[in-house]
Amino acid sequence: MTTADPSPGRADEPDERELEAAFAAGDERALAAIYTRWSSLVYTLAVRSLGDVGDAEDVTQKTFVSAWTGRSTFNPEKARVSAWLVGIAKNKIADTHEARAKVRRLQEQLAAAGRPEDLAAEPVDLADSLLIADEISRLEPDAQRVMRLAFFDDLTHAQIADRLELPLGTVKSHIRRSLQRMRTRLEVTDVAHRS
């Protein structure tokens, strides 16, 4: 009769203390084992909070990348690796919520550009204007022209179509695609600065 292994999982898996020590020492096999053991927990926390599978997958990946690159800060005397990972995941989830809020504010400002009276009521912050100008400069030339007229010249979709001699549907498509591209870049940039 064999003695029961107190650690969860299969009998051939190292116990959590050994795994933590190997991980802290930079053993990539330990990282793989920790990922196998705890990634579903991180993913579940993320999907419950964010409500989006893609964002939850991103948070899971970012959590383990951050854990690996920051493994020197892991102290098994203070917390188990599972609790440490949950802490990192919560920070990544919060970063994602904050990035979403920033994108929503940007979209609201861009939408308000179609209604000059709304934009005048709430002046745009200079830092936000510079950020938006930088993001617009990364778009293709046609989209840049449309977005500059929408945001900086306070023109409606119809006015932009008239000025650029484009169909209204094309203008709306440029704005929709550009907002999506800008949203994706801002989320990635925001999370990268917090990593």
C-alpha atoms as a PDB file:
ATOM      1  CA  MET A   1       0.000   0.000   0.000  1.00  0.00           C
ATOM      2  CA  THR A   2       1.422   3.389  -1.005  1.00  0.00           C
ATOM      3  CA  THR A   3       1.192   6.611   0.911  1.00  0.00           C
ATOM      4  CA  ALA A   4      -1.263   9.162  -0.487  1.00  0.00           C
ATOM      5  CA  ASP A   5       0.292  12.141  -2.240  1.00  0.00           C
ATOM      6  CA  PRO A   6      -0.947  15.300  -0.470  1.00  0.00           C
ATOM      7  CA  SER A   7      -0.611  17.445  -3.599  1.00  0.00           C
ATOM      8  CA  PRO A   8      -3.464  17.718  -6.097  1.00  0.00           C
ATOM      9  CA  GLY A   9      -3.151  16.028  -9.462  1.00  0.00           C
ATOM     10  CA  ARG A  10      -1.383  12.911 -10.633  1.00  0.00           C
ATOM     11  CA  ALA A  11       1.163  11.058  -8.506  1.00  0.00           C
ATOM     12  CA  ASP A  12       3.965  11.794 -11.007  1.00  0.00           C
ATOM     13  CA  GLU A  13       3.507  15.580 -10.723  1.00  0.00           C
ATOM     14  CA  PRO A  14       5.915  17.416  -8.425  1.00  0.00           C
ATOM     15  CA  ASP A  15       4.388  18.818  -5.266  1.00  0.00           C
ATOM     16  CA  GLU A  16       3.602  22.525  -5.263  1.00  0.00           C
ATOM     17  CA  ARG A  17       6.630  23.543  -3.153  1.00  0.00           C
ATOM     18  CA  GLU A  18       9.044  21.804  -5.533  1.00  0.00           C
ATOM     19  CA  LEU A  19       7.234  23.334  -8.483  1.00  0.00           C
ATOM     20  CA  GLU A  20       7.454  26.821  -6.945  1.00  0.00           C
ATOM     21  CA  ALA A  21      11.185  26.445  -6.308  1.00  0.00           C
ATOM     22  CA  ALA A  22      11.828  25.225  -9.858  1.00  0.00           C
ATOM     23  CA  PHE A  23       9.706  28.055 -11.280  1.00  0.00           C
ATOM     24  CA  ALA A  24      11.537  30.695  -9.221  1.00  0.00           C
ATOM     25  CA  ALA A  25      14.844  29.210 -10.425  1.00  0.00           C
ATOM     26  CA  GLY A  26      13.777  29.741 -14.049  1.00  0.00           C
ATOM     27  CA  ASP A  27      12.877  26.173 -15.010  1.00  0.00           C
ATOM     28  CA  GLU A  28      10.653  26.413 -18.103  1.00  0.00           C
ATOM     29  CA  ARG A  29       9.214  22.953 -17.391  1.00  0.00           C
ATOM     30  CA  ALA A  30       7.961  24.321 -14.077  1.00  0.00           C
ATOM     31  CA  LEU A  31       6.312  27.200 -15.940  1.00  0.00           C
ATOM     32  CA  ALA A  32       4.609  24.698 -18.258  1.00  0.00           C
ATOM     33  CA  ALA A  33       3.425  22.657 -15.267  1.00  0.00           C
ATOM     34  CA  ILE A  34       2.137  25.754 -13.466  1.00  0.00           C
ATOM     35  CA  TYR A  35       0.346  26.856 -16.633  1.00  0.00           C
ATOM     36  CA  THR A  36      -1.256  23.430 -17.006  1.00  0.00           C
ATOM     37  CA  ARG A  37      -2.334  23.426 -13.386  1.00  0.00           C
ATOM     38  CA  TRP A  38      -3.583  27.019 -12.980  1.00  0.00           C
ATOM     39  CA  SER A  39      -4.441  28.488 -16.401  1.00  0.00           C
ATOM     40  CA  SER A  40      -8.062  27.340 -16.244  1.00  0.00           C
ATOM     41  CA  LEU A  41      -8.509  29.159 -12.914  1.00  0.00           C
ATOM     42  CA  VAL A  42      -7.041  32.386 -14.343  1.00  0.00           C
ATOM     43  CA  TYR A  43      -9.150  32.063 -17.497  1.00  0.00           C
ATOM     44  CA  THR A  44     -12.343  31.473 -15.477  1.00  0.00           C
ATOM     45  CA  LEU A  45     -11.715  34.559 -13.319  1.00  0.00           C
ATOM     46  CA  ALA A  46     -11.089  36.650 -16.429  1.00  0.00           C
ATOM     47  CA  VAL A  47     -14.089  35.459 -18.431  1.00  0.00           C
ATOM     48  CA  ARG A  48     -16.429  35.957 -15.465  1.00  0.00           C
ATOM     49  CA  SER A  49     -15.223  39.505 -14.927  1.00  0.00           C
ATOM     50  CA  LEU A  50     -14.802  40.579 -18.553  1.00  0.00           C
ATOM     51  CA  GLY A  51     -17.566  38.570 -20.202  1.00  0.00           C
ATOM     52  CA  ASP A  52     -15.503  38.125 -23.353  1.00  0.00           C
ATOM     53  CA  VAL A  53     -13.638  34.961 -24.359  1.00  0.00           C
ATOM     54  CA  GLY A  54     -10.999  36.794 -26.401  1.00  0.00           C
ATOM     55  CA  ASP A  55     -10.214  39.234 -23.602  1.00  0.00           C
ATOM     56  CA  ALA A  56     -10.109  36.361 -21.094  1.00  0.00           C
ATOM     57  CA  GLU A  57      -7.617  34.501 -23.290  1.00  0.00           C
ATOM     58  CA  ASP A  58      -5.480  37.658 -23.536  1.00  0.00           C
ATOM     59  CA  VAL A  59      -5.570  38.142 -19.762  1.00  0.00           C
ATOM     60  CA  THR A  60      -4.582  34.506 -19.218  1.00  0.00           C
ATOM     61  CA  GLN A  61      -1.629  34.829 -21.566  1.00  0.00           C
ATOM     62  CA  LYS A  62      -0.550  38.166 -20.078  1.00  0.00           C
ATOM     63  CA  THR A  63      -0.819  36.768 -16.558  1.00  0.00           C
ATOM     64  CA  PHE A  64       1.584  33.921 -17.265  1.00  0.00           C
ATOM     65  CA  VAL A  65       3.967  36.080 -19.295  1.00  0.00           C
ATOM     66  CA  SER A  66       4.029  38.588 -16.439  1.00  0.00           C
ATOM     67  CA  ALA A  67       4.508  35.800 -13.885  1.00  0.00           C
ATOM     68  CA  TRP A  68       7.420  34.377 -15.846  1.00  0.00           C
ATOM     69  CA  THR A  69       9.156  37.710 -16.460  1.00  0.00           C
ATOM     70  CA  GLY A  70       8.530  38.758 -12.846  1.00  0.00           C
ATOM     71  CA  ARG A  71       9.307  35.410 -11.211  1.00  0.00           C
ATOM     72  CA  SER A  72      12.129  37.004  -9.190  1.00  0.00           C
ATOM     73  CA  THR A  73       9.431  38.845  -7.195  1.00  0.00           C
ATOM     74  CA  PHE A  74       7.660  35.619  -6.259  1.00  0.00           C
ATOM     75  CA  ASN A  75       8.166  34.774  -2.588  1.00  0.00           C
ATOM     76  CA  PRO A  76       6.865  31.337  -1.567  1.00  0.00           C
ATOM     77  CA  GLU A  77       7.150  32.429   2.084  1.00  0.00           C
ATOM     78  CA  LYS A  78       4.426  35.051   1.518  1.00  0.00           C
ATOM     79  CA  ALA A  79       2.039  33.263  -0.837  1.00  0.00           C
ATOM     80  CA  ARG A  80       1.474  30.081  -2.780  1.00  0.00           C
ATOM     81  CA  VAL A  81       2.046  30.313  -6.510  1.00  0.00           C
ATOM     82  CA  SER A  82      -1.703  29.919  -7.125  1.00  0.00           C
ATOM     83  CA  ALA A  83      -2.541  32.947  -4.954  1.00  0.00           C
ATOM     84  CA  TRP A  84       0.276  34.942  -6.557  1.00  0.00           C
ATOM     85  CA  LEU A  85      -1.077  34.142 -10.036  1.00  0.00           C
ATOM     86  CA  VAL A  86      -4.594  35.166  -8.992  1.00  0.00           C
ATOM     87  CA  GLY A  87      -3.188  38.516  -7.825  1.00  0.00           C
ATOM     88  CA  ILE A  88      -1.471  39.071 -11.161  1.00  0.00           C
ATOM     89  CA  ALA A  89      -4.636  38.029 -13.009  1.00  0.00           C
ATOM     90  CA  LYS A  90      -6.747  40.503 -11.026  1.00  0.00           C
ATOM     91  CA  ASN A  91      -4.352  43.300 -12.014  1.00  0.00           C
ATOM     92  CA  LYS A  92      -4.504  42.274 -15.685  1.00  0.00           C
ATOM     93  CA  ILE A  93      -8.315  42.112 -15.522  1.00  0.00           C
ATOM     94  CA  ALA A  94      -8.405  45.610 -13.978  1.00  0.00           C
ATOM     95  CA  ASP A  95      -6.048  46.866 -16.717  1.00  0.00           C
ATOM     96  CA  THR A  96      -8.388  45.466 -19.361  1.00  0.00           C
ATOM     97  CA  HIS A  97     -11.426  47.127 -17.771  1.00  0.00           C
ATOM     98  CA  GLU A  98      -9.516  50.424 -17.646  1.00  0.00           C
ATOM     99  CA  ALA A  99      -8.406  50.103 -21.279  1.00  0.00           C
ATOM    100  CA  ARG A 100     -12.017  49.426 -22.278  1.00  0.00           C
ATOM    101  CA  ALA A 101     -13.146  52.534 -20.394  1.00  0.00           C
ATOM    102  CA  LYS A 102     -10.480  54.630 -22.132  1.00  0.00           C
ATOM    103  CA  VAL A 103     -11.596  53.332 -25.520  1.00  0.00           C
ATOM    104  CA  ARG A 104     -15.254  54.047 -24.668  1.00  0.00           C
ATOM    105  CA  ARG A 105     -14.338  57.632 -23.733  1.00  0.00           C
ATOM    106  CA  LEU A 106     -12.432  58.009 -27.002  1.00  0.00           C
ATOM    107  CA  GLN A 107     -15.350  56.613 -29.004  1.00  0.00           C
ATOM    108  CA  GLU A 108     -17.742  58.967 -27.224  1.00  0.00           C
ATOM    109  CA  GLN A 109     -15.485  61.915 -28.025  1.00  0.00           C
ATOM    110  CA  LEU A 110     -15.237  60.861 -31.645  1.00  0.00           C
ATOM    111  CA  ALA A 111     -18.994  60.349 -31.849  1.00  0.00           C
ATOM    112  CA  ALA A 112     -19.521  63.769 -30.286  1.00  0.00           C
ATOM    113  CA  ALA A 113     -17.407  65.259 -33.069  1.00  0.00           C
ATOM    114  CA  GLY A 114     -20.427  64.651 -35.297  1.00  0.00           C
ATOM    115  CA  ARG A 115     -22.459  66.915 -32.992  1.00  0.00           C
ATOM    116  CA  PRO A 116     -20.411  70.115 -32.423  1.00  0.00           C
ATOM    117  CA  GLU A 117     -22.726  71.347 -29.657  1.00  0.00           C
ATOM    118  CA  ASP A 118     -21.912  68.251 -27.553  1.00  0.00           C
ATOM    119  CA  LEU A 119     -18.174  68.569 -28.138  1.00  0.00           C
ATOM    120  CA  ALA A 120     -18.184  72.221 -27.117  1.00  0.00           C
ATOM    121  CA  ALA A 121     -19.897  71.330 -23.844  1.00  0.00           C
ATOM    122  CA  GLU A 122     -17.011  69.040 -22.840  1.00  0.00           C
ATOM    123  CA  PRO A 123     -13.580  70.205 -24.008  1.00  0.00           C
ATOM    124  CA  VAL A 124     -11.194  67.422 -24.960  1.00  0.00           C
ATOM    125  CA  ASP A 125      -8.141  67.025 -22.736  1.00  0.00           C
ATOM    126  CA  LEU A 126      -4.866  68.002 -24.492  1.00  0.00           C
ATOM    127  CA  ALA A 127      -3.251  64.644 -23.662  1.00  0.00           C
ATOM    128  CA  ASP A 128      -6.253  62.821 -25.132  1.00  0.00           C
ATOM    129  CA  SER A 129      -6.082  65.018 -28.244  1.00  0.00           C
ATOM    130  CA  LEU A 130      -2.403  64.203 -28.709  1.00  0.00           C
ATOM    131  CA  LEU A 131      -3.078  60.504 -28.181  1.00  0.00           C
ATOM    132  CA  ILE A 132      -5.922  60.587 -30.694  1.00  0.00           C
ATOM    133  CA  ALA A 133      -3.806  62.528 -33.216  1.00  0.00           C
ATOM    134  CA  ASP A 134      -1.038  59.942 -32.872  1.00  0.00           C
ATOM    135  CA  GLU A 135      -3.471  57.057 -33.341  1.00  0.00           C
ATOM    136  CA  ILE A 136      -5.072  58.745 -36.372  1.00  0.00           C
ATOM    137  CA  SER A 137      -1.629  59.236 -37.962  1.00  0.00           C
ATOM    138  CA  ARG A 138      -1.194  55.432 -37.946  1.00  0.00           C
ATOM    139  CA  LEU A 139      -4.256  54.879 -40.131  1.00  0.00           C
ATOM    140  CA  GLU A 140      -4.184  54.629 -43.934  1.00  0.00           C
ATOM    141  CA  PRO A 141      -4.403  58.019 -45.716  1.00  0.00           C
ATOM    142  CA  ASP A 142      -8.123  57.920 -46.618  1.00  0.00           C
ATOM    143  CA  ALA A 143      -9.086  56.913 -43.077  1.00  0.00           C
ATOM    144  CA  GLN A 144      -6.800  59.635 -41.670  1.00  0.00           C
ATOM    145  CA  ARG A 145      -8.606  62.322 -43.651  1.00  0.00           C
ATOM    146  CA  VAL A 146     -12.012  61.071 -42.539  1.00  0.00           C
ATOM    147  CA  MET A 147     -11.042  60.782 -38.866  1.00  0.00           C
ATOM    148  CA  ARG A 148      -9.365  64.206 -38.757  1.00  0.00           C
ATOM    149  CA  LEU A 149     -12.467  65.841 -40.179  1.00  0.00           C
ATOM    150  CA  ALA A 150     -14.686  63.916 -37.747  1.00  0.00           C
ATOM    151  CA  PHE A 151     -12.660  64.620 -34.660  1.00  0.00           C
ATOM    152  CA  PHE A 152     -10.745  67.855 -35.145  1.00  0.00           C
ATOM    153  CA  ASP A 153     -13.031  69.729 -37.557  1.00  0.00           C
ATOM    154  CA  ASP A 154     -16.262  68.673 -35.810  1.00  0.00           C
ATOM    155  CA  LEU A 155     -17.911  67.598 -39.085  1.00  0.00           C
ATOM    156  CA  THR A 156     -20.836  65.194 -39.281  1.00  0.00           C
ATOM    157  CA  HIS A 157     -20.650  62.060 -41.410  1.00  0.00           C
ATOM    158  CA  ALA A 158     -22.654  63.777 -44.155  1.00  0.00           C
ATOM    159  CA  GLN A 159     -20.416  66.866 -44.107  1.00  0.00           C
ATOM    160  CA  ILE A 160     -17.305  64.679 -44.370  1.00  0.00           C
ATOM    161  CA  ALA A 161     -18.833  62.802 -47.316  1.00  0.00           C
ATOM    162  CA  ASP A 162     -19.558  66.118 -49.068  1.00  0.00           C
ATOM    163  CA  ARG A 163     -16.142  67.593 -48.391  1.00  0.00           C
ATOM    164  CA  LEU A 164     -14.207  64.497 -49.502  1.00  0.00           C
ATOM    165  CA  GLU A 165     -16.679  63.633 -52.275  1.00  0.00           C
ATOM    166  CA  LEU A 166     -17.128  60.146 -50.869  1.00  0.00           C
ATOM    167  CA  PRO A 167     -20.289  58.086 -50.461  1.00  0.00           C
ATOM    168  CA  LEU A 168     -21.779  58.397 -46.955  1.00  0.00           C
ATOM    169  CA  GLY A 169     -21.479  54.622 -46.462  1.00  0.00           C
ATOM    170  CA  THR A 170     -17.746  54.784 -47.193  1.00  0.00           C
ATOM    171  CA  VAL A 171     -17.282  57.518 -44.601  1.00  0.00           C
ATOM    172  CA  LYS A 172     -19.182  55.505 -41.995  1.00  0.00           C
ATOM    173  CA  SER A 173     -17.150  52.386 -42.840  1.00  0.00           C
ATOM    174  CA  HIS A 174     -13.870  54.304 -42.479  1.00  0.00           C
ATOM    175  CA  ILE A 175     -14.951  55.620 -39.077  1.00  0.00           C
ATOM    176  CA  ARG A 176     -16.157  52.236 -37.833  1.00  0.00           C
ATOM    177  CA  ARG A 177     -12.990  50.371 -38.961  1.00  0.00           C
ATOM    178  CA  SER A 178     -10.707  53.144 -37.708  1.00  0.00           C
ATOM    179  CA  LEU A 179     -12.332  53.163 -34.266  1.00  0.00           C
ATOM    180  CA  GLN A 180     -11.893  49.395 -34.034  1.00  0.00           C
ATOM    181  CA  ARG A 181      -8.210  49.602 -35.033  1.00  0.00           C
ATOM    182  CA  MET A 182      -7.598  52.460 -32.616  1.00  0.00           C
ATOM    183  CA  ARG A 183      -9.396  50.572 -29.834  1.00  0.00           C
ATOM    184  CA  THR A 184      -7.252  47.481 -30.358  1.00  0.00           C
ATOM    185  CA  ARG A 185      -4.010  49.484 -30.414  1.00  0.00           C
ATOM    186  CA  LEU A 186      -4.942  51.527 -27.349  1.00  0.00           C
ATOM    187  CA  GLU A 187      -5.803  48.387 -25.380  1.00  0.00           C
ATOM    188  CA  VAL A 188      -2.526  46.722 -26.336  1.00  0.00           C
ATOM    189  CA  THR A 189      -0.517  49.889 -25.611  1.00  0.00           C
ATOM    190  CA  ASP A 190      -2.239  50.477 -22.284  1.00  0.00           C
ATOM    191  CA  VAL A 191      -1.660  46.926 -21.103  1.00  0.00           C
ATOM    192  CA  ALA A 192       1.961  46.947 -22.337  1.00  0.00           C
ATOM    193  CA  HIS A 193       2.685  50.073 -20.274  1.00  0.00           C
ATOM    194  CA  ARG A 194       1.307  48.355 -17.184  1.00  0.00           C
ATOM    195  CA  SER A 195       3.215  45.069 -17.661  1.00  0.00           C
END
